Amino acid sequence: MAHPTTPPPRICPACDGFASVAITLGGRDHRGHLRTITAHCPACQGTGTTPARRSREGARA
C-alpha cells in the first residue's frame, strides 16, 4: 500500500533557498573577530520557501 507523501517545499526563486547570508563589513574588531551583518531575502523574509499557489478554479479571472 502506498504511503501518502507531502509535496516538497517550494524554493524561493529570488534567493534559490539561501534566505539568510552573513556579509563581512571589512575589517576586524579589537578582539580580532570579523565584523558581519545578517541579510535576509526580501521576497521570502528569510524562510527560503514560498507559499503554495492558490487554485483559481471557479473564480472569475
Protein backbone atom coordinates (compact mmCIF):
# COMPACT_ATOMS: atom_id res chain seq x y z
CA MET A 1 0.00 0.00 0.00
CA ALA A 2 1.40 3.37 -0.97
CA HIS A 3 2.00 5.92 1.77
CA PRO A 4 0.92 9.49 1.13
CA THR A 5 3.82 11.89 0.90
CA THR A 6 3.89 15.59 1.47
CA PRO A 7 4.83 17.73 -1.51
CA PRO A 8 8.31 19.22 -1.42
CA PRO A 9 8.51 22.83 -0.24
CA ARG A 10 8.62 25.47 -2.95
CA ILE A 11 12.06 27.07 -3.06
CA CYS A 12 12.11 30.85 -3.28
CA PRO A 13 13.11 31.88 -6.83
CA ALA A 14 14.73 35.12 -5.62
CA CYS A 15 17.28 33.55 -3.26
CA ASP A 16 17.25 29.93 -4.51
CA GLY A 17 16.70 28.66 -0.97
CA PHE A 18 19.64 30.53 0.63
CA ALA A 19 17.49 33.02 2.52
CA SER A 20 19.98 34.38 5.06
CA VAL A 21 23.58 35.32 4.48
CA ALA A 22 26.37 36.78 6.60
CA ILE A 23 28.15 39.73 4.99
CA THR A 24 31.53 40.88 6.24
CA LEU A 25 31.92 44.59 6.78
CA GLY A 26 35.64 44.58 6.01
CA GLY A 27 37.90 44.67 8.98
CA ARG A 28 38.08 43.17 12.41
CA ASP A 29 37.11 44.32 15.88
CA HIS A 30 39.58 44.86 18.71
CA ARG A 31 39.48 41.13 19.58
CA GLY A 32 40.30 40.06 16.03
CA HIS A 33 36.82 38.82 15.09
CA LEU A 34 35.35 39.58 11.67
CA ARG A 35 32.55 42.13 11.78
CA THR A 36 29.49 40.72 9.99
CA ILE A 37 25.84 41.54 9.47
CA THR A 38 23.00 39.18 8.55
CA ALA A 39 20.89 39.91 5.49
CA HIS A 40 17.58 38.19 4.73
CA CYS A 41 15.87 37.71 1.37
CA PRO A 42 13.16 40.36 0.96
CA ALA A 43 10.98 38.08 -1.17
CA CYS A 44 10.59 35.26 1.37
CA GLN A 45 11.52 37.13 4.59
CA GLY A 46 14.34 34.70 5.36
CA THR A 47 12.42 31.42 5.16
CA GLY A 48 13.82 30.16 1.83
CA THR A 49 10.42 28.92 0.67
CA THR A 50 7.40 30.49 -0.97
CA PRO A 51 3.77 29.78 -0.09
CA ALA A 52 1.85 27.37 -2.29
CA ARG A 53 -0.15 28.99 -5.04
CA ARG A 54 -3.87 29.14 -4.53
CA SER A 55 -6.07 27.41 -7.04
CA ARG A 56 -8.24 29.82 -9.01
CA GLU A 57 -10.67 27.13 -10.10
CA GLY A 58 -14.16 28.52 -10.39
CA ALA A 59 -13.03 32.11 -9.89
CA ARG A 60 -13.54 34.80 -12.46
CA ALA A 61 -10.27 35.86 -14.00
